[in-house]
Amino acid sequence: MQLIEDLKAEHELIEQVVGSLRTFVTARLADQGDPEDGARFLAFFRRYAGDFHHDKEEVVLFRALVERAELPLDRGPIAALTGEHRRMGGLLDAMEGLLGSPLSETDRTRLQALAVDYSHSLWRHIDAENSVLFPEGQERLRRFHVQELPSRAMTETEAAAREAGLVLISRYPPFMDPEVHRGDGCVACPSFGTTCDGLEREWWTELEWEDMWDRMSSD
């Protein structure tokens, strides 16, 4: 499905820019870096990752999973990932006044904590979508004879934010934090066990459970 391939390609850029944000925050804590780049990072995550990328996920893909593949909207992976979008947006809002302003010691501590939380959350969110939501969602849409979904072009504002992101990557080489727990599957998702009980419990049908037990008993 081309829409999902596009979303995965967009993830590659988004995860690089969030690594670049970590490098920028480290520079800011050392009173280095261009304070105006803080606004450029915010524009990238709000306009490109938010208005463009998240919009295609929520308005096109998630809606199709609910309306055409008969999956739940108010619980499970769709509700959890949508909630993560909102939570990460709140972290951006909290960072806004810190990225380009003079920093007190309290501000420095808070900015560092927010940047770590945001980057870890976004990296793990991307892993959950790439390894669970996208492949499983595509398979369930296929069962309902949905092979493709519509996409859309970027607006001028979204395209400008994307181009700014590419510049920021070259200016602040992405930091990939070895402390973040990344991986495939539901167990690596930040929402697993809190707002989502995993793909099997949330999405599987009785037939899928019966098939699993049959395969296990035959092994």
N, C-alpha and C. Protein backbone atom coordinates (compact mmCIF):
# COMPACT_ATOMS: atom_id res chain seq x y z
N MET A 1 0.85 -1.19 0.00
CA MET A 1 0.00 0.00 0.00
C MET A 1 0.89 1.25 0.00
N GLN A 2 0.70 2.11 -1.00
CA GLN A 2 1.60 3.25 -1.16
C GLN A 2 1.52 4.22 0.01
N LEU A 3 0.33 4.43 0.57
CA LEU A 3 0.22 5.34 1.70
C LEU A 3 1.11 4.89 2.85
N ILE A 4 1.10 3.61 3.17
CA ILE A 4 1.92 3.11 4.27
C ILE A 4 3.40 3.22 3.93
N GLU A 5 3.77 2.96 2.69
CA GLU A 5 5.18 3.13 2.30
C GLU A 5 5.60 4.59 2.46
N ASP A 6 4.71 5.51 2.11
CA ASP A 6 5.01 6.94 2.29
C ASP A 6 5.18 7.29 3.76
N LEU A 7 4.29 6.77 4.60
CA LEU A 7 4.37 7.05 6.04
C LEU A 7 5.67 6.52 6.63
N LYS A 8 6.08 5.34 6.21
CA LYS A 8 7.33 4.77 6.71
C LYS A 8 8.53 5.60 6.26
N ALA A 9 8.51 6.08 5.03
CA ALA A 9 9.59 6.94 4.55
C ALA A 9 9.63 8.25 5.34
N GLU A 10 8.47 8.79 5.65
CA GLU A 10 8.42 10.01 6.46
C GLU A 10 8.97 9.76 7.86
N HIS A 11 8.72 8.57 8.40
CA HIS A 11 9.28 8.23 9.71
C HIS A 11 10.81 8.32 9.71
N GLU A 12 11.43 7.92 8.61
CA GLU A 12 12.90 7.94 8.55
C GLU A 12 13.42 9.36 8.76
N LEU A 13 12.77 10.33 8.13
CA LEU A 13 13.19 11.72 8.31
C LEU A 13 12.85 12.21 9.70
N ILE A 14 11.67 11.90 10.19
CA ILE A 14 11.24 12.39 11.50
C ILE A 14 12.17 11.89 12.59
N GLU A 15 12.57 10.62 12.53
CA GLU A 15 13.42 10.12 13.61
C GLU A 15 14.83 10.71 13.53
N GLN A 16 15.28 11.10 12.35
CA GLN A 16 16.56 11.80 12.25
C GLN A 16 16.46 13.21 12.84
N VAL A 17 15.36 13.89 12.56
CA VAL A 17 15.23 15.26 13.06
C VAL A 17 15.07 15.27 14.57
N VAL A 18 14.42 14.27 15.15
CA VAL A 18 14.33 14.26 16.61
C VAL A 18 15.71 13.98 17.22
N GLY A 19 16.55 13.21 16.53
CA GLY A 19 17.93 13.05 16.99
C GLY A 19 18.71 14.35 16.87
N SER A 20 18.43 15.11 15.82
CA SER A 20 19.04 16.42 15.65
C SER A 20 18.58 17.39 16.73
N LEU A 21 17.31 17.29 17.12
CA LEU A 21 16.80 18.11 18.23
C LEU A 21 17.59 17.83 19.50
N ARG A 22 17.91 16.58 19.77
CA ARG A 22 18.69 16.25 20.97
C ARG A 22 20.07 16.91 20.91
N THR A 23 20.68 16.90 19.73
CA THR A 23 21.98 17.56 19.57
C THR A 23 21.85 19.07 19.80
N PHE A 24 20.78 19.65 19.26
CA PHE A 24 20.54 21.08 19.45
C PHE A 24 20.33 21.42 20.92
N VAL A 25 19.57 20.61 21.63
CA VAL A 25 19.33 20.87 23.05
C VAL A 25 20.64 20.79 23.83
N THR A 26 21.48 19.82 23.51
CA THR A 26 22.79 19.74 24.17
C THR A 26 23.59 21.01 23.92
N ALA A 27 23.52 21.54 22.70
CA ALA A 27 24.21 22.79 22.38
C ALA A 27 23.62 23.95 23.17
N ARG A 28 22.31 24.00 23.27
CA ARG A 28 21.65 25.08 24.02
C ARG A 28 22.04 25.05 25.50
N LEU A 29 22.18 23.86 26.04
CA LEU A 29 22.56 23.74 27.45
C LEU A 29 23.98 24.24 27.68
N ALA A 30 24.77 24.25 26.62
CA ALA A 30 26.14 24.78 26.69
C ALA A 30 26.20 26.21 26.17
N ASP A 31 25.03 26.86 26.05
CA ASP A 31 24.93 28.23 25.53
C ASP A 31 25.50 28.35 24.13
N GLN A 32 25.27 27.32 23.33
CA GLN A 32 25.69 27.31 21.94
C GLN A 32 24.47 27.07 21.05
N GLY A 33 24.70 27.02 19.75
CA GLY A 33 23.59 26.82 18.82
C GLY A 33 22.82 28.11 18.59
N ASP A 34 22.13 28.17 17.48
CA ASP A 34 21.35 29.34 17.11
C ASP A 34 19.97 29.25 17.77
N PRO A 35 19.65 30.17 18.69
CA PRO A 35 18.33 30.10 19.35
C PRO A 35 17.16 30.10 18.36
N GLU A 36 17.34 30.73 17.19
CA GLU A 36 16.26 30.75 16.21
C GLU A 36 15.98 29.37 15.62
N ASP A 37 16.94 28.47 15.74
CA ASP A 37 16.69 27.11 15.25
C ASP A 37 15.65 26.39 16.10
N GLY A 38 15.45 26.86 17.32
CA GLY A 38 14.40 26.27 18.14
C GLY A 38 13.05 26.37 17.47
N ALA A 39 12.76 27.54 16.90
CA ALA A 39 11.49 27.73 16.19
C ALA A 39 11.42 26.86 14.94
N ARG A 40 12.56 26.61 14.31
CA ARG A 40 12.57 25.76 13.12
C ARG A 40 12.28 24.30 13.48
N PHE A 41 12.82 23.85 14.61
CA PHE A 41 12.49 22.50 15.07
C PHE A 41 10.99 22.39 15.37
N LEU A 42 10.47 23.37 16.07
CA LEU A 42 9.04 23.34 16.39
C LEU A 42 8.19 23.31 15.13
N ALA A 43 8.57 24.11 14.13
CA ALA A 43 7.81 24.14 12.88
C ALA A 43 7.86 22.79 12.18
N PHE A 44 9.03 22.15 12.21
CA PHE A 44 9.12 20.83 11.57
C PHE A 44 8.17 19.84 12.24
N PHE A 45 8.23 19.76 13.56
CA PHE A 45 7.41 18.76 14.24
C PHE A 45 5.92 19.11 14.22
N ARG A 46 5.59 20.37 14.22
CA ARG A 46 4.17 20.75 14.19
C ARG A 46 3.59 20.71 12.79
N ARG A 47 4.31 21.26 11.82
CA ARG A 47 3.75 21.37 10.48
C ARG A 47 3.97 20.10 9.66
N TYR A 48 5.19 19.58 9.65
CA TYR A 48 5.46 18.39 8.83
C TYR A 48 5.05 17.11 9.55
N ALA A 49 5.60 16.87 10.75
CA ALA A 49 5.26 15.63 11.47
C ALA A 49 3.81 15.65 11.95
N GLY A 50 3.29 16.82 12.31
CA GLY A 50 1.94 16.92 12.83
C GLY A 50 0.89 17.12 11.76
N ASP A 51 0.86 18.32 11.17
CA ASP A 51 -0.20 18.65 10.22
C ASP A 51 -0.20 17.74 8.98
N PHE A 52 0.98 17.31 8.55
CA PHE A 52 1.07 16.48 7.35
C PHE A 52 1.06 14.99 7.68
N HIS A 53 2.08 14.54 8.41
CA HIS A 53 2.24 13.10 8.65
C HIS A 53 1.15 12.54 9.57
N HIS A 54 0.98 13.12 10.75
CA HIS A 54 -0.04 12.61 11.67
C HIS A 54 -1.44 12.75 11.09
N ASP A 55 -1.66 13.78 10.31
CA ASP A 55 -2.97 13.96 9.69
C ASP A 55 -3.29 12.80 8.75
N LYS A 56 -2.31 12.38 7.95
CA LYS A 56 -2.53 11.24 7.05
C LYS A 56 -2.77 9.96 7.84
N GLU A 57 -2.07 9.81 8.95
CA GLU A 57 -2.29 8.63 9.78
C GLU A 57 -3.70 8.62 10.35
N GLU A 58 -4.07 9.72 11.00
CA GLU A 58 -5.34 9.74 11.74
C GLU A 58 -6.55 9.87 10.82
N VAL A 59 -6.48 10.78 9.86
CA VAL A 59 -7.66 11.08 9.04
C VAL A 59 -7.85 10.04 7.93
N VAL A 60 -6.77 9.46 7.44
CA VAL A 60 -6.89 8.49 6.35
C VAL A 60 -6.75 7.06 6.85
N LEU A 61 -5.56 6.70 7.38
CA LEU A 61 -5.32 5.30 7.74
C LEU A 61 -6.15 4.85 8.92
N PHE A 62 -6.08 5.57 10.03
CA PHE A 62 -6.82 5.15 11.22
C PHE A 62 -8.33 5.12 10.95
N ARG A 63 -8.81 6.13 10.24
CA ARG A 63 -10.24 6.17 9.94
C ARG A 63 -10.65 4.98 9.08
N ALA A 64 -9.81 4.62 8.11
CA ALA A 64 -10.13 3.47 7.27
C ALA A 64 -10.14 2.18 8.09
N LEU A 65 -9.22 2.06 9.04
CA LEU A 65 -9.20 0.86 9.88
C LEU A 65 -10.48 0.74 10.70
N VAL A 66 -11.00 1.87 11.15
CA VAL A 66 -12.23 1.86 11.95
C VAL A 66 -13.45 1.64 11.06
N GLU A 67 -13.56 2.43 10.00
CA GLU A 67 -14.78 2.43 9.20
C GLU A 67 -14.85 1.28 8.19
N ARG A 68 -13.70 0.82 7.71
CA ARG A 68 -13.73 -0.19 6.66
C ARG A 68 -13.23 -1.56 7.12
N ALA A 69 -12.37 -1.58 8.14
CA ALA A 69 -11.89 -2.87 8.67
C ALA A 69 -12.53 -3.20 10.01
N GLU A 70 -13.42 -2.35 10.48
CA GLU A 70 -14.24 -2.61 11.67
C GLU A 70 -13.41 -2.81 12.94
N LEU A 71 -12.35 -2.01 13.09
CA LEU A 71 -11.51 -2.05 14.28
C LEU A 71 -11.93 -0.95 15.25
N PRO A 72 -11.70 -1.14 16.55
CA PRO A 72 -12.18 -0.16 17.55
C PRO A 72 -11.41 1.15 17.52
N LEU A 73 -12.13 2.23 17.68
CA LEU A 73 -11.54 3.57 17.74
C LEU A 73 -11.20 3.97 19.17
N ASP A 74 -12.00 3.53 20.13
CA ASP A 74 -11.90 4.03 21.50
C ASP A 74 -10.99 3.21 22.40
N ARG A 75 -10.35 2.19 21.88
CA ARG A 75 -9.42 1.39 22.67
C ARG A 75 -8.44 0.72 21.71
N GLY A 76 -7.41 0.09 22.28
CA GLY A 76 -6.46 -0.63 21.45
C GLY A 76 -5.46 0.25 20.75
N PRO A 77 -4.78 -0.28 19.72
CA PRO A 77 -3.69 0.44 19.07
C PRO A 77 -4.06 1.81 18.52
N ILE A 78 -5.23 1.94 17.90
CA ILE A 78 -5.59 3.23 17.30
C ILE A 78 -5.76 4.30 18.36
N ALA A 79 -6.49 3.98 19.42
CA ALA A 79 -6.67 4.94 20.51
C ALA A 79 -5.35 5.26 21.19
N ALA A 80 -4.50 4.24 21.38
CA ALA A 80 -3.22 4.46 22.06
C ALA A 80 -2.30 5.35 21.25
N LEU A 81 -2.18 5.07 19.96
CA LEU A 81 -1.27 5.85 19.12
C LEU A 81 -1.78 7.27 18.91
N THR A 82 -3.08 7.44 18.80
CA THR A 82 -3.64 8.79 18.72
C THR A 82 -3.37 9.55 20.01
N GLY A 83 -3.51 8.89 21.14
CA GLY A 83 -3.20 9.52 22.42
C GLY A 83 -1.75 9.92 22.52
N GLU A 84 -0.85 9.09 21.97
CA GLU A 84 0.57 9.43 21.97
C GLU A 84 0.83 10.67 21.13
N HIS A 85 0.14 10.80 20.00
CA HIS A 85 0.27 12.03 19.20
C HIS A 85 -0.04 13.26 20.05
N ARG A 86 -1.13 13.19 20.80
CA ARG A 86 -1.54 14.32 21.63
C ARG A 86 -0.52 14.59 22.75
N ARG A 87 -0.06 13.52 23.38
CA ARG A 87 0.90 13.68 24.48
C ARG A 87 2.20 14.30 23.97
N MET A 88 2.70 13.84 22.83
CA MET A 88 3.94 14.39 22.29
C MET A 88 3.76 15.84 21.86
N GLY A 89 2.57 16.18 21.39
CA GLY A 89 2.29 17.58 21.09
C GLY A 89 2.37 18.44 22.33
N GLY A 90 1.92 17.90 23.46
CA GLY A 90 2.03 18.62 24.72
C GLY A 90 3.47 18.83 25.15
N LEU A 91 4.33 17.84 24.89
CA LEU A 91 5.75 17.99 25.21
C LEU A 91 6.38 19.09 24.36
N LEU A 92 6.00 19.17 23.10
CA LEU A 92 6.49 20.26 22.25
C LEU A 92 6.05 21.61 22.79
N ASP A 93 4.80 21.70 23.20
CA ASP A 93 4.29 22.95 23.76
C ASP A 93 5.10 23.35 24.99
N ALA A 94 5.45 22.37 25.82
CA ALA A 94 6.21 22.66 27.04
C ALA A 94 7.63 23.11 26.72
N MET A 95 8.19 22.63 25.60
CA MET A 95 9.55 23.02 25.22
C MET A 95 9.61 24.38 24.54
N GLU A 96 8.48 24.84 24.03
CA GLU A 96 8.48 26.02 23.16
C GLU A 96 9.19 27.21 23.78
N GLY A 97 8.89 27.52 25.02
CA GLY A 97 9.49 28.70 25.65
C GLY A 97 10.92 28.51 26.09
N LEU A 98 11.46 27.30 25.91
CA LEU A 98 12.81 27.00 26.40
C LEU A 98 13.83 26.87 25.27
N LEU A 99 13.37 26.63 24.06
CA LEU A 99 14.31 26.33 22.98
C LEU A 99 15.07 27.55 22.47
N GLY A 100 14.49 28.74 22.60
CA GLY A 100 15.14 29.91 22.03
C GLY A 100 15.38 31.04 23.00
N SER A 101 15.19 30.78 24.29
CA SER A 101 15.31 31.85 25.30
C SER A 101 16.50 31.60 26.22
N PRO A 102 16.99 32.65 26.90
CA PRO A 102 18.02 32.43 27.92
C PRO A 102 17.50 31.47 28.98
N LEU A 103 18.38 30.60 29.47
CA LEU A 103 17.97 29.52 30.36
C LEU A 103 18.52 29.68 31.77
N SER A 104 17.63 29.58 32.74
CA SER A 104 18.07 29.46 34.13
C SER A 104 18.48 28.01 34.38
N GLU A 105 19.04 27.73 35.55
CA GLU A 105 19.41 26.35 35.87
C GLU A 105 18.18 25.45 35.90
N THR A 106 17.09 25.98 36.42
CA THR A 106 15.84 25.20 36.43
C THR A 106 15.36 24.93 35.02
N ASP A 107 15.47 25.94 34.16
CA ASP A 107 15.08 25.77 32.76
C ASP A 107 15.92 24.70 32.07
N ARG A 108 17.22 24.70 32.36
CA ARG A 108 18.11 23.72 31.72
C ARG A 108 17.71 22.30 32.08
N THR A 109 17.44 22.10 33.35
CA THR A 109 17.03 20.77 33.81
C THR A 109 15.72 20.35 33.15
N ARG A 110 14.79 21.29 33.09
CA ARG A 110 13.49 20.98 32.50
C ARG A 110 13.61 20.72 31.00
N LEU A 111 14.38 21.53 30.29
CA LEU A 111 14.54 21.34 28.85
C LEU A 111 15.16 19.98 28.55
N GLN A 112 16.19 19.62 29.30
CA GLN A 112 16.82 18.32 29.08
C GLN A 112 15.83 17.18 29.29
N ALA A 113 15.06 17.26 30.37
CA ALA A 113 14.08 16.20 30.67
C ALA A 113 13.01 16.12 29.58
N LEU A 114 12.53 17.27 29.12
CA LEU A 114 11.51 17.28 28.08
C LEU A 114 12.04 16.72 26.77
N ALA A 115 13.27 17.09 26.41
CA ALA A 115 13.85 16.62 25.16
C ALA A 115 14.06 15.11 25.18
N VAL A 116 14.50 14.58 26.31
CA VAL A 116 14.68 13.13 26.43
C VAL A 116 13.33 12.42 26.35
N ASP A 117 12.35 12.92 27.08
CA ASP A 117 11.02 12.32 27.06
C ASP A 117 10.44 12.35 25.65
N TYR A 118 10.53 13.48 25.00
CA TYR A 118 9.97 13.61 23.65
C TYR A 118 10.66 12.67 22.67
N SER A 119 11.99 12.66 22.68
CA SER A 119 12.71 11.82 21.72
C SER A 119 12.47 10.34 21.98
N HIS A 120 12.52 9.92 23.23
CA HIS A 120 12.27 8.51 23.53
C HIS A 120 10.86 8.12 23.13
N SER A 121 9.90 8.97 23.45
CA SER A 121 8.50 8.68 23.11
C SER A 121 8.31 8.58 21.61
N LEU A 122 8.91 9.50 20.87
CA LEU A 122 8.72 9.51 19.42
C LEU A 122 9.41 8.34 18.75
N TRP A 123 10.63 8.02 19.17
CA TRP A 123 11.33 6.88 18.58
C TRP A 123 10.55 5.58 18.81
N ARG A 124 10.07 5.38 20.04
CA ARG A 124 9.33 4.16 20.35
C ARG A 124 7.97 4.14 19.64
N HIS A 125 7.37 5.30 19.50
CA HIS A 125 6.11 5.42 18.76
C HIS A 125 6.30 5.01 17.30
N ILE A 126 7.37 5.47 16.69
CA ILE A 126 7.67 5.11 15.31
C ILE A 126 7.87 3.60 15.18
N ASP A 127 8.60 3.01 16.12
CA ASP A 127 8.81 1.55 16.09
C ASP A 127 7.49 0.81 16.17
N ALA A 128 6.59 1.27 17.04
CA ALA A 128 5.29 0.60 17.21
C ALA A 128 4.46 0.69 15.93
N GLU A 129 4.48 1.84 15.29
CA GLU A 129 3.71 1.97 14.05
C GLU A 129 4.32 1.14 12.93
N ASN A 130 5.65 1.21 12.78
CA ASN A 130 6.30 0.47 11.70
C ASN A 130 6.16 -1.04 11.85
N SER A 131 6.27 -1.54 13.08
CA SER A 131 6.32 -2.99 13.28
C SER A 131 4.97 -3.62 13.59
N VAL A 132 4.00 -2.83 14.03
CA VAL A 132 2.71 -3.40 14.41
C VAL A 132 1.56 -2.78 13.62
N LEU A 133 1.33 -1.50 13.83
CA LEU A 133 0.14 -0.86 13.25
C LEU A 133 0.13 -0.94 11.72
N PHE A 134 1.24 -0.62 11.09
CA PHE A 134 1.25 -0.58 9.62
C PHE A 134 1.06 -1.97 9.00
N PRO A 135 1.89 -2.97 9.35
CA PRO A 135 1.69 -4.28 8.71
C PRO A 135 0.37 -4.94 9.08
N GLU A 136 -0.01 -4.85 10.35
CA GLU A 136 -1.26 -5.48 10.77
C GLU A 136 -2.47 -4.73 10.20
N GLY A 137 -2.39 -3.41 10.17
CA GLY A 137 -3.48 -2.64 9.60
C GLY A 137 -3.65 -2.92 8.12
N GLN A 138 -2.54 -3.01 7.39
CA GLN A 138 -2.62 -3.30 5.97
C GLN A 138 -3.26 -4.66 5.73
N GLU A 139 -2.89 -5.66 6.53
CA GLU A 139 -3.47 -6.99 6.37
C GLU A 139 -4.97 -6.99 6.63
N ARG A 140 -5.39 -6.27 7.65
CA ARG A 140 -6.82 -6.23 7.96
C ARG A 140 -7.62 -5.46 6.91
N LEU A 141 -7.03 -4.43 6.35
CA LEU A 141 -7.69 -3.74 5.24
C LEU A 141 -7.79 -4.65 4.02
N ARG A 142 -6.74 -5.43 3.78
CA ARG A 142 -6.77 -6.36 2.65
C ARG A 142 -7.92 -7.35 2.77
N ARG A 143 -8.18 -7.80 4.00
CA ARG A 143 -9.28 -8.75 4.20
C ARG A 143 -10.63 -8.14 3.80
N PHE A 144 -10.70 -6.82 3.87
CA PHE A 144 -11.94 -6.13 3.47
C PHE A 144 -11.81 -5.55 2.06
N HIS A 145 -10.84 -6.10 1.30
CA HIS A 145 -10.64 -5.75 -0.12
C HIS A 145 -10.24 -4.28 -0.32
N VAL A 146 -9.53 -3.74 0.66
CA VAL A 146 -8.99 -2.38 0.53
C VAL A 146 -7.50 -2.51 0.24
N GLN A 147 -7.11 -2.20 -0.98
CA GLN A 147 -5.72 -2.35 -1.40
C GLN A 147 -4.93 -1.04 -1.33
N GLU A 148 -5.61 0.08 -1.52
CA GLU A 148 -4.95 1.38 -1.51
C GLU A 148 -5.82 2.40 -0.78
N LEU A 149 -5.16 3.42 -0.24
CA LEU A 149 -5.86 4.53 0.40
C LEU A 149 -5.32 5.84 -0.17
N PRO A 150 -6.12 6.90 -0.17
CA PRO A 150 -5.66 8.17 -0.74
C PRO A 150 -4.60 8.84 0.12
N SER A 151 -3.79 9.64 -0.53
CA SER A 151 -2.81 10.45 0.18
C SER A 151 -3.03 11.90 -0.25
N ARG A 152 -2.09 12.75 0.06
CA ARG A 152 -2.19 14.14 -0.41
C ARG A 152 -0.80 14.73 -0.48
N ALA A 153 -0.66 15.79 -1.25
CA ALA A 153 0.61 16.50 -1.34
C ALA A 153 0.78 17.43 -0.14
N MET A 154 2.02 17.80 0.13
CA MET A 154 2.29 18.76 1.20
C MET A 154 1.84 20.15 0.77
N THR A 155 1.39 20.93 1.75
CA THR A 155 1.17 22.35 1.51
C THR A 155 2.52 23.05 1.44
N GLU A 156 2.53 24.30 1.02
CA GLU A 156 3.79 25.04 0.98
C GLU A 156 4.41 25.13 2.36
N THR A 157 3.60 25.34 3.39
CA THR A 157 4.10 25.46 4.75
C THR A 157 4.71 24.14 5.22
N GLU A 158 4.04 23.04 4.92
CA GLU A 158 4.55 21.73 5.31
C GLU A 158 5.83 21.39 4.57
N ALA A 159 5.89 21.72 3.29
CA ALA A 159 7.10 21.46 2.50
C ALA A 159 8.27 22.30 3.00
N ALA A 160 7.99 23.55 3.38
CA ALA A 160 9.05 24.41 3.92
C ALA A 160 9.57 23.86 5.24
N ALA A 161 8.67 23.33 6.07
CA ALA A 161 9.09 22.74 7.34
C ALA A 161 9.95 21.51 7.10
N ARG A 162 9.61 20.71 6.09
CA ARG A 162 10.42 19.54 5.75
C ARG A 162 11.82 19.97 5.31
N GLU A 163 11.90 20.96 4.44
CA GLU A 163 13.20 21.43 3.97
C GLU A 163 14.03 21.98 5.13
N ALA A 164 13.38 22.67 6.05
CA ALA A 164 14.10 23.17 7.23
C ALA A 164 14.64 22.01 8.06
N GLY A 165 13.86 20.92 8.14
CA GLY A 165 14.33 19.75 8.87
C GLY A 165 15.60 19.17 8.28
N LEU A 166 15.68 19.13 6.95
CA LEU A 166 16.88 18.63 6.29
C LEU A 166 18.09 19.50 6.61
N VAL A 167 17.87 20.81 6.66
CA VAL A 167 18.96 21.73 7.01
C VAL A 167 19.39 21.51 8.46
N LEU A 168 18.44 21.32 9.34
CA LEU A 168 18.75 21.12 10.76
C LEU A 168 19.56 19.85 10.97
N ILE A 169 19.26 18.80 10.21
CA ILE A 169 20.03 17.56 10.33
C ILE A 169 21.49 17.79 9.98
N SER A 170 21.74 18.59 8.94
CA SER A 170 23.13 18.87 8.55
C SER A 170 23.82 19.78 9.55
N ARG A 171 23.06 20.64 10.19
CA ARG A 171 23.62 21.59 11.15
C ARG A 171 23.87 20.95 12.51
N TYR A 172 22.97 20.06 12.90
CA TYR A 172 23.07 19.38 14.20
C TYR A 172 22.98 17.88 13.96
N PRO A 173 24.11 17.20 13.76
CA PRO A 173 24.09 15.77 13.45
C PRO A 173 23.26 14.99 14.47
N PRO A 174 22.37 14.12 14.01
CA PRO A 174 21.44 13.44 14.92
C PRO A 174 22.15 12.60 15.98
N PHE A 175 21.65 12.73 17.20
CA PHE A 175 22.11 11.92 18.33
C PHE A 175 21.14 10.76 18.50
N MET A 176 21.65 9.54 18.47
CA MET A 176 20.82 8.36 18.70
C MET A 176 21.12 7.84 20.11
N ASP A 177 20.21 8.05 21.00
CA ASP A 177 20.41 7.79 22.42
C ASP A 177 20.47 6.29 22.71
N PRO A 178 21.61 5.79 23.23
CA PRO A 178 21.69 4.36 23.54
C PRO A 178 20.83 3.95 24.73
N GLU A 179 20.31 4.93 25.46
CA GLU A 179 19.49 4.62 26.63
C GLU A 179 18.03 4.33 26.28
N VAL A 180 17.62 4.64 25.07
CA VAL A 180 16.21 4.42 24.71
C VAL A 180 15.99 2.95 24.39
N HIS A 181 14.88 2.42 24.87
CA HIS A 181 14.53 1.02 24.61
C HIS A 181 13.70 0.96 23.34
N ARG A 182 14.33 0.49 22.26
CA ARG A 182 13.65 0.40 20.97
C ARG A 182 13.52 -1.05 20.55
N GLY A 183 12.56 -1.33 19.70
CA GLY A 183 12.40 -2.68 19.20
C GLY A 183 11.08 -2.85 18.50
N ASP A 184 10.86 -4.05 18.01
CA ASP A 184 9.63 -4.36 17.28
C ASP A 184 8.61 -5.01 18.19
N GLY A 185 7.35 -4.89 17.80
CA GLY A 185 6.28 -5.56 18.51
C GLY A 185 5.65 -4.72 19.59
N CYS A 186 4.54 -5.22 20.10
CA CYS A 186 3.76 -4.48 21.10
C CYS A 186 4.54 -4.21 22.38
N VAL A 187 5.41 -5.14 22.77
CA VAL A 187 6.10 -5.00 24.06
C VAL A 187 7.01 -3.78 24.08
N ALA A 188 7.44 -3.30 22.91
CA ALA A 188 8.30 -2.13 22.85
C ALA A 188 7.53 -0.82 22.78
N CYS A 189 6.21 -0.91 22.65
CA CYS A 189 5.37 0.29 22.51
C CYS A 189 5.22 0.99 23.85
N PRO A 190 5.33 2.32 23.90
CA PRO A 190 5.18 3.03 25.18
C PRO A 190 3.80 2.90 25.80
N SER A 191 2.79 2.54 25.00
CA SER A 191 1.43 2.42 25.53
C SER A 191 1.07 1.00 25.97
N PHE A 192 1.95 0.04 25.70
CA PHE A 192 1.63 -1.35 26.02
C PHE A 192 1.50 -1.55 27.52
N GLY A 193 0.38 -2.13 27.91
CA GLY A 193 0.14 -2.39 29.33
C GLY A 193 -0.46 -1.23 30.09
N THR A 194 -0.60 -0.08 29.42
CA THR A 194 -1.22 1.08 30.09
C THR A 194 -2.52 1.44 29.39
N THR A 195 -2.42 1.95 28.16
CA THR A 195 -3.64 2.29 27.41
C THR A 195 -3.95 1.28 26.31
N CYS A 196 -3.11 0.28 26.15
CA CYS A 196 -3.35 -0.76 25.15
C CYS A 196 -2.82 -2.09 25.67
N ASP A 197 -3.62 -3.14 25.52
CA ASP A 197 -3.21 -4.46 26.00
C ASP A 197 -2.56 -5.31 24.92
N GLY A 198 -2.23 -4.70 23.81
CA GLY A 198 -1.54 -5.43 22.75
C GLY A 198 -2.47 -5.86 21.63
N LEU A 199 -1.85 -6.09 20.49
CA LEU A 199 -2.60 -6.40 19.27
C LEU A 199 -3.54 -7.59 19.45
N GLU A 200 -3.03 -8.67 20.04
CA GLU A 200 -3.84 -9.89 20.13
C GLU A 200 -5.10 -9.65 20.96
N ARG A 201 -4.95 -9.08 22.12
CA ARG A 201 -6.11 -8.86 22.99
C ARG A 201 -7.06 -7.80 22.43
N GLU A 202 -6.52 -6.85 21.72
CA GLU A 202 -7.35 -5.73 21.26
C GLU A 202 -8.00 -5.97 19.89
N TRP A 203 -7.30 -6.67 19.00
CA TRP A 203 -7.77 -6.79 17.62
C TRP A 203 -8.15 -8.19 17.19
N TRP A 204 -7.57 -9.20 17.80
CA TRP A 204 -7.79 -10.55 17.29
C TRP A 204 -9.25 -10.97 17.40
N THR A 205 -9.70 -11.71 16.40
CA THR A 205 -11.04 -12.30 16.41
C THR A 205 -10.98 -13.68 17.05
N GLU A 206 -12.14 -14.23 17.35
CA GLU A 206 -12.18 -15.59 17.91
C GLU A 206 -11.53 -16.58 16.96
N LEU A 207 -11.69 -16.38 15.66
CA LEU A 207 -11.09 -17.28 14.68
C LEU A 207 -9.57 -17.23 14.75
N GLU A 208 -9.00 -16.05 14.95
CA GLU A 208 -7.55 -15.93 15.06
C GLU A 208 -7.03 -16.63 16.31
N TRP A 209 -7.75 -16.49 17.42
CA TRP A 209 -7.36 -17.18 18.64
C TRP A 209 -7.45 -18.69 18.45
N GLU A 210 -8.51 -19.16 17.83
CA GLU A 210 -8.67 -20.60 17.60
C GLU A 210 -7.56 -21.13 16.70
N ASP A 211 -7.21 -20.36 15.68
CA ASP A 211 -6.14 -20.77 14.78
C ASP A 211 -4.81 -20.88 15.53
N MET A 212 -4.55 -19.91 16.42
CA MET A 212 -3.31 -19.96 17.19
C MET A 212 -3.26 -21.21 18.07
N TRP A 213 -4.36 -21.48 18.78
CA TRP A 213 -4.38 -22.65 19.67
C TRP A 213 -4.25 -23.94 18.86
N ASP A 214 -4.84 -23.99 17.68
CA ASP A 214 -4.71 -25.18 16.84
C ASP A 214 -3.27 -25.39 16.42
N ARG A 215 -2.59 -24.31 16.04
CA ARG A 215 -1.19 -24.42 15.63
C ARG A 215 -0.30 -24.83 16.79
N MET A 216 -0.58 -24.29 17.98
CA MET A 216 0.22 -24.64 19.15
C MET A 216 0.02 -26.10 19.54
N SER A 217 -1.20 -26.59 19.44
CA SER A 217 -1.48 -27.97 19.84
C SER A 217 -0.92 -28.98 18.85
N SER A 218 -0.69 -28.54 17.60
CA SER A 218 -0.16 -29.45 16.59
C SER A 218 1.36 -29.49 16.58
N ASP A 219 2.01 -28.55 17.27
CA ASP A 219 3.48 -28.52 17.30
C ASP A 219 4.04 -29.61 18.22
